PDB file of all heavy atoms in Angstrom:
ATOM      1  N   PRO A   1     130.980 264.538 191.123  1.00  0.00           N
ATOM      2  CA  PRO A   1     131.402 263.661 190.016  1.00  0.00           C
ATOM      3  C   PRO A   1     132.891 263.402 189.976  1.00  0.00           C
ATOM      4  O   PRO A   1     133.326 262.289 189.631  1.00  0.00           O
ATOM      5  CB  PRO A   1     130.950 264.439 188.770  1.00  0.00           C
ATOM      6  CG  PRO A   1     130.878 265.854 189.191  1.00  0.00           C
ATOM      7  CD  PRO A   1     130.481 265.813 190.641  1.00  0.00           C
ATOM      8  N   TRP A   2     133.741 264.366 190.349  1.00  0.00           N
ATOM      9  CA  TRP A   2     135.184 264.142 190.322  1.00  0.00           C
ATOM     10  C   TRP A   2     135.620 263.210 191.409  1.00  0.00           C
ATOM     11  O   TRP A   2     136.580 262.442 191.246  1.00  0.00           O
ATOM     12  CB  TRP A   2     135.887 265.498 190.463  1.00  0.00           C
ATOM     13  CG  TRP A   2     135.734 266.345 189.267  1.00  0.00           C
ATOM     14  CD1 TRP A   2     134.918 267.420 189.121  1.00  0.00           C
ATOM     15  CD2 TRP A   2     136.339 266.170 187.972  1.00  0.00           C
ATOM     16  NE1 TRP A   2     134.998 267.911 187.845  1.00  0.00           N
ATOM     17  CE2 TRP A   2     135.881 267.151 187.124  1.00  0.00           C
ATOM     18  CE3 TRP A   2     137.264 265.255 187.494  1.00  0.00           C
ATOM     19  CZ2 TRP A   2     136.266 267.263 185.812  1.00  0.00           C
ATOM     20  CZ3 TRP A   2     137.647 265.350 186.188  1.00  0.00           C
ATOM     21  CH2 TRP A   2     137.190 266.351 185.367  1.00  0.00           C
ATOM     22  N   MET A   3     134.911 263.180 192.549  1.00  0.00           N
ATOM     23  CA  MET A   3     135.264 262.261 193.610  1.00  0.00           C
ATOM     24  C   MET A   3     135.030 260.809 193.145  1.00  0.00           C
ATOM     25  O   MET A   3     135.854 259.945 193.394  1.00  0.00           O
ATOM     26  CB  MET A   3     134.391 262.533 194.863  1.00  0.00           C
ATOM     27  CG  MET A   3     134.709 261.600 196.009  1.00  0.00           C
ATOM     28  SD  MET A   3     133.611 261.814 197.410  1.00  0.00           S
ATOM     29  CE  MET A   3     132.122 261.114 196.766  1.00  0.00           C
ATOM     30  N   TYR A   4     133.911 260.568 192.446  1.00  0.00           N
ATOM     31  CA  TYR A   4     133.663 259.211 191.952  1.00  0.00           C
ATOM     32  C   TYR A   4     134.662 258.815 190.893  1.00  0.00           C
ATOM     33  O   TYR A   4     135.048 257.648 190.781  1.00  0.00           O
ATOM     34  CB  TYR A   4     132.215 259.105 191.463  1.00  0.00           C
ATOM     35  CG  TYR A   4     131.247 259.071 192.587  1.00  0.00           C
ATOM     36  CD1 TYR A   4     130.449 260.145 192.902  1.00  0.00           C
ATOM     37  CD2 TYR A   4     131.109 257.929 193.373  1.00  0.00           C
ATOM     38  CE1 TYR A   4     129.578 260.145 193.942  1.00  0.00           C
ATOM     39  CE2 TYR A   4     130.236 257.880 194.416  1.00  0.00           C
ATOM     40  CZ  TYR A   4     129.469 258.995 194.695  1.00  0.00           C
ATOM     41  OH  TYR A   4     128.588 258.970 195.745  1.00  0.00           O
ATOM     42  N   LEU A   5     135.084 259.766 190.077  1.00  0.00           N
ATOM     43  CA  LEU A   5     136.094 259.478 189.029  1.00  0.00           C
ATOM     44  C   LEU A   5     137.411 259.082 189.685  1.00  0.00           C
ATOM     45  O   LEU A   5     138.038 258.096 189.295  1.00  0.00           O
ATOM     46  CB  LEU A   5     136.286 260.692 188.131  1.00  0.00           C
ATOM     47  CG  LEU A   5     137.288 260.536 187.013  1.00  0.00           C
ATOM     48  CD1 LEU A   5     136.606 259.822 185.845  1.00  0.00           C
ATOM     49  CD2 LEU A   5     137.828 261.862 186.585  1.00  0.00           C
ATOM     50  N   LEU A   6     137.833 259.826 190.725  1.00  0.00           N
ATOM     51  CA  LEU A   6     139.069 259.518 191.394  1.00  0.00           C
ATOM     52  C   LEU A   6     138.973 258.219 192.189  1.00  0.00           C
ATOM     53  O   LEU A   6     139.938 257.434 192.273  1.00  0.00           O
ATOM     54  CB  LEU A   6     139.477 260.664 192.322  1.00  0.00           C
ATOM     55  CG  LEU A   6     139.916 261.942 191.621  1.00  0.00           C
ATOM     56  CD1 LEU A   6     140.148 263.077 192.640  1.00  0.00           C
ATOM     57  CD2 LEU A   6     141.136 261.709 190.810  1.00  0.00           C
ATOM     58  N   MET A   7     137.797 257.942 192.809  1.00  0.00           N
ATOM     59  CA  MET A   7     137.607 256.673 193.501  1.00  0.00           C
ATOM     60  C   MET A   7     137.674 255.497 192.550  1.00  0.00           C
ATOM     61  O   MET A   7     138.294 254.481 192.857  1.00  0.00           O
ATOM     62  CB  MET A   7     136.254 256.685 194.229  1.00  0.00           C
ATOM     63  CG  MET A   7     136.269 257.485 195.511  1.00  0.00           C
ATOM     64  SD  MET A   7     134.641 257.579 196.303  1.00  0.00           S
ATOM     65  CE  MET A   7     134.079 255.921 196.328  1.00  0.00           C
ATOM     66  N   GLY A   8     137.064 255.623 191.403  1.00  0.00           N
ATOM     67  CA  GLY A   8     137.133 254.555 190.410  1.00  0.00           C
ATOM     68  C   GLY A   8     138.539 254.346 189.911  1.00  0.00           C
ATOM     69  O   GLY A   8     138.993 253.215 189.730  1.00  0.00           O
ATOM     70  N   PHE A   9     139.285 255.435 189.701  1.00  0.00           N
ATOM     71  CA  PHE A   9     140.643 255.308 189.266  1.00  0.00           C
ATOM     72  C   PHE A   9     141.516 254.592 190.317  1.00  0.00           C
ATOM     73  O   PHE A   9     142.246 253.673 190.031  1.00  0.00           O
ATOM     74  CB  PHE A   9     141.232 256.706 188.964  1.00  0.00           C
ATOM     75  CG  PHE A   9     142.671 256.675 188.505  1.00  0.00           C
ATOM     76  CD1 PHE A   9     142.955 256.445 187.187  1.00  0.00           C
ATOM     77  CD2 PHE A   9     143.680 256.856 189.411  1.00  0.00           C
ATOM     78  CE1 PHE A   9     144.260 256.418 186.739  1.00  0.00           C
ATOM     79  CE2 PHE A   9     145.005 256.825 188.980  1.00  0.00           C
ATOM     80  CZ  PHE A   9     145.279 256.586 187.649  1.00  0.00           C
ATOM     81  N   GLY A  10     141.408 255.043 191.569  1.00  0.00           N
ATOM     82  CA  GLY A  10     142.188 254.447 192.637  1.00  0.00           C
ATOM     83  C   GLY A  10     141.850 252.981 192.860  1.00  0.00           C
ATOM     84  O   GLY A  10     142.709 252.130 193.071  1.00  0.00           O
ATOM     85  N   TRP A  11     140.547 252.680 192.837  1.00  0.00           N
ATOM     86  CA  TRP A  11     140.077 251.308 193.027  1.00  0.00           C
ATOM     87  C   TRP A  11     140.613 250.404 191.929  1.00  0.00           C
ATOM     88  O   TRP A  11     141.168 249.329 192.196  1.00  0.00           O
ATOM     89  CB  TRP A  11     138.559 251.301 193.100  1.00  0.00           C
ATOM     90  CG  TRP A  11     137.885 250.010 192.822  1.00  0.00           C
ATOM     91  CD1 TRP A  11     138.051 248.839 193.485  1.00  0.00           C
ATOM     92  CD2 TRP A  11     136.912 249.751 191.816  1.00  0.00           C
ATOM     93  NE1 TRP A  11     137.256 247.877 192.946  1.00  0.00           N
ATOM     94  CE2 TRP A  11     136.538 248.404 191.937  1.00  0.00           C
ATOM     95  CE3 TRP A  11     136.310 250.546 190.848  1.00  0.00           C
ATOM     96  CZ2 TRP A  11     135.586 247.826 191.097  1.00  0.00           C
ATOM     97  CZ3 TRP A  11     135.351 249.945 190.042  1.00  0.00           C
ATOM     98  CH2 TRP A  11     135.007 248.611 190.180  1.00  0.00           C
ATOM     99  N   ALA A  12     140.497 250.779 190.695  1.00  0.00           N
ATOM    100  CA  ALA A  12     140.936 249.984 189.571  1.00  0.00           C
ATOM    101  C   ALA A  12     142.436 249.890 189.509  1.00  0.00           C
ATOM    102  O   ALA A  12     142.991 248.829 189.240  1.00  0.00           O
ATOM    103  CB  ALA A  12     140.369 250.550 188.247  1.00  0.00           C
ATOM    104  N   TYR A  13     143.122 250.968 189.814  1.00  0.00           N
ATOM    105  CA  TYR A  13     144.594 250.951 189.762  1.00  0.00           C
ATOM    106  C   TYR A  13     145.145 250.011 190.829  1.00  0.00           C
ATOM    107  O   TYR A  13     146.087 249.251 190.592  1.00  0.00           O
ATOM    108  CB  TYR A  13     145.163 252.379 189.938  1.00  0.00           C
ATOM    109  CG  TYR A  13     146.636 252.454 189.614  1.00  0.00           C
ATOM    110  CD1 TYR A  13     147.053 252.518 188.317  1.00  0.00           C
ATOM    111  CD2 TYR A  13     147.572 252.485 190.635  1.00  0.00           C
ATOM    112  CE1 TYR A  13     148.409 252.629 187.995  1.00  0.00           C
ATOM    113  CE2 TYR A  13     148.925 252.556 190.318  1.00  0.00           C
ATOM    114  CZ  TYR A  13     149.306 252.640 188.996  1.00  0.00           C
ATOM    115  OH  TYR A  13     150.644 252.732 188.701  1.00  0.00           O
ATOM    116  N   LEU A  14     144.536 250.045 192.007  1.00  0.00           N
ATOM    117  CA  LEU A  14     144.956 249.155 193.084  1.00  0.00           C
ATOM    118  C   LEU A  14     144.738 247.672 192.722  1.00  0.00           C
ATOM    119  O   LEU A  14     145.664 246.829 192.885  1.00  0.00           O
ATOM    120  CB  LEU A  14     144.202 249.486 194.382  1.00  0.00           C
ATOM    121  CG  LEU A  14     144.446 248.532 195.545  1.00  0.00           C
ATOM    122  CD1 LEU A  14     145.791 248.803 196.181  1.00  0.00           C
ATOM    123  CD2 LEU A  14     143.345 248.652 196.565  1.00  0.00           C
ATOM    124  N   THR A  15     143.581 247.348 192.198  1.00  0.00           N
ATOM    125  CA  THR A  15     143.279 245.966 191.893  1.00  0.00           C
ATOM    126  C   THR A  15     144.105 245.466 190.688  1.00  0.00           C
ATOM    127  O   THR A  15     144.585 244.356 190.711  1.00  0.00           O
ATOM    128  CB  THR A  15     141.779 245.766 191.617  1.00  0.00           C
ATOM    129  OG1 THR A  15     141.354 246.652 190.603  1.00  0.00           O
ATOM    130  CG2 THR A  15     140.971 245.983 192.862  1.00  0.00           C
ATOM    131  N   ILE A  16     144.285 246.311 189.700  1.00  0.00           N
ATOM    132  CA  ILE A  16     145.098 245.894 188.539  1.00  0.00           C
ATOM    133  C   ILE A  16     146.555 245.717 188.943  1.00  0.00           C
ATOM    134  O   ILE A  16     147.218 244.743 188.559  1.00  0.00           O
ATOM    135  CB  ILE A  16     144.955 246.897 187.396  1.00  0.00           C
ATOM    136  CG1 ILE A  16     143.538 246.862 186.817  1.00  0.00           C
ATOM    137  CG2 ILE A  16     145.956 246.629 186.285  1.00  0.00           C
ATOM    138  CD1 ILE A  16     143.235 247.954 185.819  1.00  0.00           C
ATOM    139  N   SER A  17     147.051 246.631 189.784  1.00  0.00           N
ATOM    140  CA  SER A  17     148.445 246.507 190.234  1.00  0.00           C
ATOM    141  C   SER A  17     148.633 245.251 191.086  1.00  0.00           C
ATOM    142  O   SER A  17     149.635 244.566 190.972  1.00  0.00           O
ATOM    143  CB  SER A  17     148.840 247.735 191.044  1.00  0.00           C
ATOM    144  OG  SER A  17     148.813 248.875 190.231  1.00  0.00           O
ATOM    145  N   ALA A  18     147.668 244.954 191.932  1.00  0.00           N
ATOM    146  CA  ALA A  18     147.760 243.747 192.771  1.00  0.00           C
ATOM    147  C   ALA A  18     147.691 242.466 191.906  1.00  0.00           C
ATOM    148  O   ALA A  18     148.364 241.488 192.184  1.00  0.00           O
ATOM    149  CB  ALA A  18     146.653 243.719 193.823  1.00  0.00           C
ATOM    150  N   ALA A  19     146.892 242.512 190.890  1.00  0.00           N
ATOM    151  CA  ALA A  19     146.763 241.361 190.013  1.00  0.00           C
ATOM    152  C   ALA A  19     147.988 241.124 189.141  1.00  0.00           C
ATOM    153  O   ALA A  19     148.337 239.970 188.871  1.00  0.00           O
ATOM    154  CB  ALA A  19     145.512 241.515 189.127  1.00  0.00           C
ATOM    155  N   ARG A  20     148.615 242.184 188.729  1.00  0.00           N
ATOM    156  CA  ARG A  20     149.766 242.054 187.856  1.00  0.00           C
ATOM    157  C   ARG A  20     151.106 241.839 188.557  1.00  0.00           C
ATOM    158  O   ARG A  20     152.081 241.479 187.931  1.00  0.00           O
ATOM    159  CB  ARG A  20     149.914 243.324 186.971  1.00  0.00           C
ATOM    160  CG  ARG A  20     148.764 243.470 185.993  1.00  0.00           C
ATOM    161  CD  ARG A  20     148.934 244.736 185.223  1.00  0.00           C
ATOM    162  NE  ARG A  20     150.224 244.680 184.511  1.00  0.00           N
ATOM    163  CZ  ARG A  20     150.460 245.266 183.371  1.00  0.00           C
ATOM    164  NH1 ARG A  20     149.495 245.939 182.781  1.00  0.00           N
ATOM    165  NH2 ARG A  20     151.615 245.200 182.799  1.00  0.00           N
ATOM    166  N   ASN A  21     151.159 242.055 189.861  1.00  0.00           N
ATOM    167  CA  ASN A  21     152.416 242.051 190.592  1.00  0.00           C
ATOM    168  C   ASN A  21     152.486 240.953 191.629  1.00  0.00           C
ATOM    169  O   ASN A  21     152.914 241.170 192.741  1.00  0.00           O
ATOM    170  CB  ASN A  21     152.633 243.426 191.245  1.00  0.00           C
ATOM    171  CG  ASN A  21     154.044 243.650 191.681  1.00  0.00           C
ATOM    172  OD1 ASN A  21     154.941 242.924 191.244  1.00  0.00           O
ATOM    173  ND2 ASN A  21     154.244 244.628 192.515  1.00  0.00           N
ATOM    174  N   ARG A  22     152.085 239.736 191.279  1.00  0.00           N
ATOM    175  CA  ARG A  22     152.079 238.640 192.235  1.00  0.00           C
ATOM    176  C   ARG A  22     153.507 238.299 192.672  1.00  0.00           C
ATOM    177  O   ARG A  22     153.764 238.026 193.842  1.00  0.00           O
ATOM    178  CB  ARG A  22     151.421 237.381 191.619  1.00  0.00           C
ATOM    179  CG  ARG A  22     151.241 236.266 192.620  1.00  0.00           C
ATOM    180  CD  ARG A  22     150.749 235.004 191.941  1.00  0.00           C
ATOM    181  NE  ARG A  22     150.290 233.982 192.790  1.00  0.00           N
ATOM    182  CZ  ARG A  22     150.939 233.362 193.735  1.00  0.00           C
ATOM    183  NH1 ARG A  22     152.143 233.759 194.057  1.00  0.00           N
ATOM    184  NH2 ARG A  22     150.428 232.373 194.428  1.00  0.00           N
ATOM    185  N   GLU A  23     154.463 238.302 191.763  1.00  0.00           N
ATOM    186  CA  GLU A  23     155.836 237.976 192.101  1.00  0.00           C
ATOM    187  C   GLU A  23     156.426 239.009 193.029  1.00  0.00           C
ATOM    188  O   GLU A  23     157.156 238.663 193.988  1.00  0.00           O
ATOM    189  CB  GLU A  23     156.721 237.858 190.828  1.00  0.00           C
ATOM    190  CG  GLU A  23     156.351 236.721 189.903  1.00  0.00           C
ATOM    191  CD  GLU A  23     155.166 237.071 188.991  1.00  0.00           C
ATOM    192  OE1 GLU A  23     154.906 238.280 188.786  1.00  0.00           O
ATOM    193  OE2 GLU A  23     154.508 236.167 188.510  1.00  0.00           O
ATOM    194  N   GLY A  24     156.138 240.263 192.799  1.00  0.00           N
ATOM    195  CA  GLY A  24     156.665 241.319 193.675  1.00  0.00           C
ATOM    196  C   GLY A  24     156.078 241.206 195.076  1.00  0.00           C
ATOM    197  O   GLY A  24     156.764 241.421 196.067  1.00  0.00           O
ATOM    198  N   ILE A  25     154.814 240.885 195.186  1.00  0.00           N
ATOM    199  CA  ILE A  25     154.169 240.712 196.486  1.00  0.00           C
ATOM    200  C   ILE A  25     154.772 239.510 197.197  1.00  0.00           C
ATOM    201  O   ILE A  25     155.061 239.559 198.394  1.00  0.00           O
ATOM    202  CB  ILE A  25     152.627 240.584 196.325  1.00  0.00           C
ATOM    203  CG1 ILE A  25     152.052 241.903 195.798  1.00  0.00           C
ATOM    204  CG2 ILE A  25     151.998 240.203 197.637  1.00  0.00           C
ATOM    205  CD1 ILE A  25     150.619 241.799 195.366  1.00  0.00           C
ATOM    206  N   HIS A  26     154.984 238.413 196.458  1.00  0.00           N
ATOM    207  CA  HIS A  26     155.579 237.226 197.063  1.00  0.00           C
ATOM    208  C   HIS A  26     157.008 237.501 197.556  1.00  0.00           C
ATOM    209  O   HIS A  26     157.380 237.115 198.651  1.00  0.00           O
ATOM    210  CB  HIS A  26     155.573 236.057 196.074  1.00  0.00           C
ATOM    211  CG  HIS A  26     156.127 234.784 196.622  1.00  0.00           C
ATOM    212  ND1 HIS A  26     155.501 234.099 197.615  1.00  0.00           N
ATOM    213  CD2 HIS A  26     157.276 234.132 196.343  1.00  0.00           C
ATOM    214  CE1 HIS A  26     156.219 233.039 197.925  1.00  0.00           C
ATOM    215  NE2 HIS A  26     157.300 233.041 197.163  1.00  0.00           N
ATOM    216  N   GLU A  27     157.781 238.230 196.749  1.00  0.00           N
ATOM    217  CA  GLU A  27     159.121 238.563 197.121  1.00  0.00           C
ATOM    218  C   GLU A  27     159.133 239.482 198.362  1.00  0.00           C
ATOM    219  O   GLU A  27     159.950 239.302 199.301  1.00  0.00           O
ATOM    220  CB  GLU A  27     159.847 239.277 195.981  1.00  0.00           C
ATOM    221  CG  GLU A  27     161.270 239.672 196.260  1.00  0.00           C
ATOM    222  CD  GLU A  27     161.883 240.379 195.086  1.00  0.00           C
ATOM    223  OE1 GLU A  27     161.542 240.068 193.910  1.00  0.00           O
ATOM    224  OE2 GLU A  27     162.727 241.277 195.336  1.00  0.00           O
ATOM    225  N   SER A  28     158.214 240.434 198.433  1.00  0.00           N
ATOM    226  CA  SER A  28     158.136 241.320 199.564  1.00  0.00           C
ATOM    227  C   SER A  28     157.736 240.546 200.828  1.00  0.00           C
ATOM    228  O   SER A  28     158.250 240.816 201.924  1.00  0.00           O
ATOM    229  CB  SER A  28     157.105 242.410 199.295  1.00  0.00           C
ATOM    230  OG  SER A  28     156.936 243.232 200.410  1.00  0.00           O
ATOM    231  N   LEU A  29     156.850 239.555 200.668  1.00  0.00           N
ATOM    232  CA  LEU A  29     156.426 238.777 201.844  1.00  0.00           C
ATOM    233  C   LEU A  29     157.586 237.894 202.346  1.00  0.00           C
ATOM    234  O   LEU A  29     157.738 237.698 203.568  1.00  0.00           O
ATOM    235  CB  LEU A  29     155.238 237.902 201.502  1.00  0.00           C
ATOM    236  CG  LEU A  29     153.885 238.613 201.381  1.00  0.00           C
ATOM    237  CD1 LEU A  29     152.814 237.681 200.858  1.00  0.00           C
ATOM    238  CD2 LEU A  29     153.484 239.210 202.725  1.00  0.00           C
ATOM    239  N   THR A  30     158.371 237.366 201.430  1.00  0.00           N
ATOM    240  CA  THR A  30     159.493 236.496 201.888  1.00  0.00           C
ATOM    241  C   THR A  30     160.602 237.341 202.557  1.00  0.00           C
ATOM    242  O   THR A  30     161.293 236.848 203.438  1.00  0.00           O
ATOM    243  CB  THR A  30     160.101 235.714 200.708  1.00  0.00           C
ATOM    244  OG1 THR A  30     160.462 236.611 199.673  1.00  0.00           O
ATOM    245  CG2 THR A  30     159.126 234.710 200.176  1.00  0.00           C
ATOM    246  N   GLN A  31     160.774 238.608 202.161  1.00  0.00           N
ATOM    247  CA  GLN A  31     161.771 239.456 202.774  1.00  0.00           C
ATOM    248  C   GLN A  31     161.314 240.004 204.113  1.00  0.00           C
ATOM    249  O   GLN A  31     162.088 240.370 204.948  1.00  0.00           O
ATOM    250  CB  GLN A  31     162.118 240.633 201.833  1.00  0.00           C
ATOM    251  CG  GLN A  31     162.869 240.247 200.629  1.00  0.00           C
ATOM    252  CD  GLN A  31     163.068 241.439 199.686  1.00  0.00           C
ATOM    253  OE1 GLN A  31     162.635 242.523 199.997  1.00  0.00           O
ATOM    254  NE2 GLN A  31     163.766 241.187 198.614  1.00  0.00           N
ATOM    255  N   GLY A  32     159.978 240.057 204.306  1.00  0.00           N
ATOM    256  CA  GLY A  32     159.433 240.593 205.571  1.00  0.00           C
ATOM    257  C   GLY A  32     159.506 239.599 206.675  1.00  0.00           C
ATOM    258  O   GLY A  32     160.031 238.490 206.586  1.00  0.00           O
ATOM    259  N   SER A  33     158.988 240.012 207.839  1.00  0.00           N
ATOM    260  CA  SER A  33     159.039 239.125 209.012  1.00  0.00           C
ATOM    261  C   SER A  33     157.758 238.348 209.245  1.00  0.00           C
ATOM    262  O   SER A  33     157.607 237.751 210.311  1.00  0.00           O
ATOM    263  CB  SER A  33     159.388 239.980 210.237  1.00  0.00           C
ATOM    264  OG  SER A  33     158.373 240.949 210.464  1.00  0.00           O
ATOM    265  N   LEU A  34     156.850 238.389 208.289  1.00  0.00           N
ATOM    266  CA  LEU A  34     155.620 237.621 208.414  1.00  0.00           C
ATOM    267  C   LEU A  34     155.904 236.160 208.250  1.00  0.00           C
ATOM    268  O   LEU A  34     156.642 235.752 207.291  1.00  0.00           O
ATOM    269  CB  LEU A  34     154.624 238.094 207.341  1.00  0.00           C
ATOM    270  CG  LEU A  34     153.197 237.558 207.448  1.00  0.00           C
ATOM    271  CD1 LEU A  34     152.513 238.107 208.682  1.00  0.00           C
ATOM    272  CD2 LEU A  34     152.409 237.966 206.211  1.00  0.00           C
ATOM    273  N   PRO A  35     155.450 235.289 209.145  1.00  0.00           N
ATOM    274  CA  PRO A  35     155.753 233.855 209.044  1.00  0.00           C
ATOM    275  C   PRO A  35     155.230 233.314 207.712  1.00  0.00           C
ATOM    276  O   PRO A  35     154.205 233.762 207.156  1.00  0.00           O
ATOM    277  CB  PRO A  35     155.015 233.229 210.229  1.00  0.00           C
ATOM    278  CG  PRO A  35     154.789 234.335 211.185  1.00  0.00           C
ATOM    279  CD  PRO A  35     154.705 235.601 210.377  1.00  0.00           C
ATOM    280  N   ALA A  36     155.890 232.273 207.199  1.00  0.00           N
ATOM    281  CA  ALA A  36     155.601 231.704 205.895  1.00  0.00           C
ATOM    282  C   ALA A  36     154.231 231.075 205.846  1.00  0.00           C
ATOM    283  O   ALA A  36     153.587 231.065 204.815  1.00  0.00           O
ATOM    284  CB  ALA A  36     156.659 230.697 205.492  1.00  0.00           C
ATOM    285  N   HIS A  37     153.742 230.545 206.994  1.00  0.00           N
ATOM    286  CA  HIS A  37     152.436 229.902 206.973  1.00  0.00           C
ATOM    287  C   HIS A  37     151.277 230.922 206.829  1.00  0.00           C
ATOM    288  O   HIS A  37     150.146 230.556 206.549  1.00  0.00           O
ATOM    289  CB  HIS A  37     152.217 229.019 208.193  1.00  0.00           C
ATOM    290  CG  HIS A  37     152.084 229.785 209.483  1.00  0.00           C
ATOM    291  ND1 HIS A  37     153.157 230.290 210.158  1.00  0.00           N
ATOM    292  CD2 HIS A  37     150.973 230.121 210.193  1.00  0.00           C
ATOM    293  CE1 HIS A  37     152.747 230.934 211.248  1.00  0.00           C
ATOM    294  NE2 HIS A  37     151.427 230.849 211.283  1.00  0.00           N
TER     295      HIS A  37
END
């Protein structure tokens, strides 16, 4: 049961953080060496 609790926490935290941090992700992509296209 604790494994499923931690998996649910990690899964939700990752998706919520990705959804709330679009500007940070965009800034990180522009600073990186990944081509703009």
